[in-house]
Protein backbone atom coordinates (compact mmCIF):
# COMPACT_ATOMS: atom_id res chain seq x y z
CA LEU A 1 -83.69 -103.59 98.24
CA GLN A 2 -81.28 -101.85 95.90
CA GLN A 3 -82.84 -98.50 96.75
CA ALA A 4 -82.43 -99.12 100.49
CA LEU A 5 -78.72 -99.82 100.01
CA ALA A 6 -78.18 -96.97 97.58
CA SER A 7 -78.77 -94.36 100.25
CA PRO A 8 -76.48 -94.16 103.30
CA SER A 9 -79.12 -91.92 104.91
CA GLU A 10 -81.57 -94.82 105.24
CA PRO A 11 -81.78 -96.23 108.79
CA VAL A 12 -79.12 -98.85 109.60
CA GLY A 13 -81.76 -101.48 110.41
CA LYS A 14 -83.39 -101.03 107.01
CA ARG A 15 -80.06 -101.31 105.20
CA MET A 16 -79.06 -104.33 107.29
CA ARG A 17 -82.30 -106.16 106.47
CA ALA A 18 -81.89 -105.26 102.80
CA ALA A 19 -78.40 -106.80 102.76
CA TYR A 20 -79.66 -110.05 104.25
CA PHE A 21 -82.69 -110.12 101.95
CA LEU A 22 -80.29 -109.70 99.04
CA ARG A 23 -78.37 -112.74 100.29
CA GLN A 24 -81.62 -114.67 100.35
CA ALA A 25 -82.44 -113.54 96.80
CA TYR A 26 -78.98 -114.68 95.71
CA GLU A 27 -79.51 -118.09 97.32
CA ASN A 28 -82.81 -118.36 95.43
CA ASN A 29 -80.98 -117.66 92.14
CA GLN A 30 -82.68 -114.30 91.71
CA ASN A 31 -80.57 -111.70 89.87
CA GLN A 32 -77.30 -112.92 91.37
CA SER A 33 -75.15 -110.48 89.39
CA VAL A 34 -77.31 -107.58 90.60
CA VAL A 35 -76.93 -108.78 94.20
CA VAL A 36 -73.14 -108.95 93.87
CA GLU A 37 -73.01 -105.50 92.26
CA THR A 38 -75.35 -103.90 94.82
CA LEU A 39 -73.44 -105.25 97.81
CA GLY A 40 -70.14 -104.26 96.21
CA GLN A 41 -71.34 -100.70 95.64
CA GLY A 42 -72.46 -100.53 99.27
CA LEU A 43 -69.09 -101.80 100.48
CA LEU A 44 -67.27 -99.14 98.46
CA GLU A 45 -69.49 -96.30 99.71
CA LYS A 46 -67.75 -95.06 102.86
CA GLU A 47 -70.75 -92.92 103.79
CA HIS A 48 -72.51 -96.13 104.89
CA GLY A 49 -70.16 -96.23 107.87
CA SER A 50 -67.90 -99.00 109.12
CA LEU A 51 -70.57 -101.17 110.76
CA MET A 52 -72.76 -101.33 107.67
CA ARG A 53 -69.83 -101.83 105.30
CA HIS A 54 -68.55 -104.61 107.56
CA GLU A 55 -71.92 -106.33 107.11
CA PHE A 56 -71.81 -105.89 103.33
CA GLY A 57 -68.41 -107.61 103.34
CA TYR A 58 -69.73 -110.37 105.57
CA VAL A 59 -72.68 -111.08 103.28
CA MET A 60 -70.41 -111.05 100.23
CA GLY A 61 -68.28 -113.73 101.86
CA GLN A 62 -71.37 -115.82 102.55
CA LEU A 63 -72.21 -115.74 98.85
CA ARG A 64 -68.92 -117.50 98.07
CA ASP A 65 -69.03 -115.95 94.60
CA GLU A 66 -65.73 -115.06 92.92
CA ARG A 67 -67.39 -112.04 91.33
CA CYS A 68 -67.17 -110.43 94.79
CA CYS A 69 -63.37 -110.70 94.92
CA GLU A 70 -62.51 -107.57 92.96
CA VAL A 71 -64.33 -105.22 95.33
CA LEU A 72 -63.27 -107.13 98.44
CA GLU A 73 -59.62 -107.04 97.35
CA ARG A 74 -59.87 -103.34 96.56
CA VAL A 75 -61.19 -102.51 100.04
CA LEU A 76 -58.64 -104.80 101.73
CA GLY A 77 -55.85 -102.99 99.91
CA ASP A 78 -57.04 -99.51 100.91
CA GLU A 79 -54.91 -98.68 103.91
CA THR A 80 -56.96 -95.54 104.57
CA ASP A 81 -60.03 -97.67 105.25
CA CYS A 82 -61.27 -98.87 108.62
CA THR A 83 -59.41 -101.91 109.99
CA MET A 84 -62.68 -103.61 110.97
CA VAL A 85 -64.01 -103.35 107.41
CA ARG A 86 -60.72 -104.56 105.95
CA HIS A 87 -60.64 -107.45 108.43
CA GLU A 88 -64.09 -108.53 107.25
CA THR A 89 -63.07 -108.33 103.59
CA ALA A 90 -60.13 -110.65 104.36
CA GLU A 91 -62.49 -113.12 106.04
CA ALA A 92 -64.83 -112.91 103.05
CA LEU A 93 -61.97 -113.58 100.62
CA GLY A 94 -61.03 -116.63 102.66
CA ALA A 95 -64.62 -117.88 102.62
CA ILE A 96 -64.78 -117.44 98.84
CA GLY A 97 -61.48 -119.26 98.50
CA ALA A 98 -60.39 -117.94 95.10
CA LYS A 99 -56.72 -118.38 94.24
CA ARG A 100 -56.79 -114.94 92.58
CA SER A 101 -56.90 -113.41 96.10
CA ILE A 102 -53.64 -115.00 97.27
CA PRO A 103 -51.37 -112.10 96.14
CA VAL A 104 -53.41 -109.38 97.86
CA LEU A 105 -53.63 -111.46 101.05
CA GLU A 106 -49.86 -112.07 101.01
CA GLU A 107 -49.16 -108.39 100.38
CA THR A 108 -51.43 -107.35 103.25
CA ILE A 109 -49.72 -109.82 105.61
CA ALA A 110 -46.30 -108.45 104.68
CA ARG A 111 -47.26 -104.78 104.90
CA PHE A 112 -49.41 -104.82 108.03
CA GLN A 113 -47.62 -107.00 110.57
CA ASN A 114 -48.15 -104.12 113.01
CA VAL A 115 -51.94 -104.53 112.65
CA PRO A 116 -52.43 -108.06 113.97
CA GLU A 117 -56.21 -108.14 113.58
CA LEU A 118 -55.66 -107.58 109.86
CA ALA A 119 -52.46 -109.58 109.23
CA GLU A 120 -53.66 -112.59 111.21
CA THR A 121 -57.04 -112.64 109.48
CA CYS A 122 -55.30 -112.51 106.11
CA GLN A 123 -53.03 -115.38 107.18
CA ILE A 124 -56.03 -117.51 108.16
CA ALA A 125 -57.74 -116.72 104.85
CA LEU A 126 -54.55 -117.55 102.93
CA ASP A 127 -54.05 -120.81 104.83
CA TYR A 128 -57.64 -121.82 104.12
CA ILE A 129 -57.37 -121.06 100.40
CA GLN A 130 -54.12 -123.01 100.14
CA TRP A 131 -55.48 -125.95 102.15
CA ASN A 132 -58.73 -125.98 100.19
CA SER A 133 -56.90 -126.00 96.85
CA SER A 134 -54.33 -128.61 97.92
CA GLY A 135 -56.69 -131.56 97.74
CA LYS A 136 -55.63 -132.63 101.24
CA LYS A 137 -59.07 -131.97 102.63
CA GLU A 138 -60.25 -135.27 101.19
CA GLU A 139 -57.54 -137.08 103.17
CA GLU A 140 -58.55 -135.47 106.47
């Protein structure tokens, strides 16, 4: 699986299946740190293309593992990167729900008001993290 994701020249379908098989391995407690690292490397490798990198970000969000935050935050903060990929990293950060991501989400909201698909996604992620950490969810 790692080999399939290491090469952007592999067919998209093969890389897509590898990403989802990695998620399954993670859920089965198999080499979780390797899964996080492999998906993160794929997300950072722009040669994979926007669609594939979007999927890597999506899977990382599904893991809900704070070890994913560093790479997701890095891609979100890269204003030269594709908006679709950055949007997905914001969604993933919201799904993970780590308070450490609040500053980068706030900064992205402030800097990219002119990119609503990015700013609004960051706002939703921020709202979810704040709501989730407030303890109010038990009252609702």
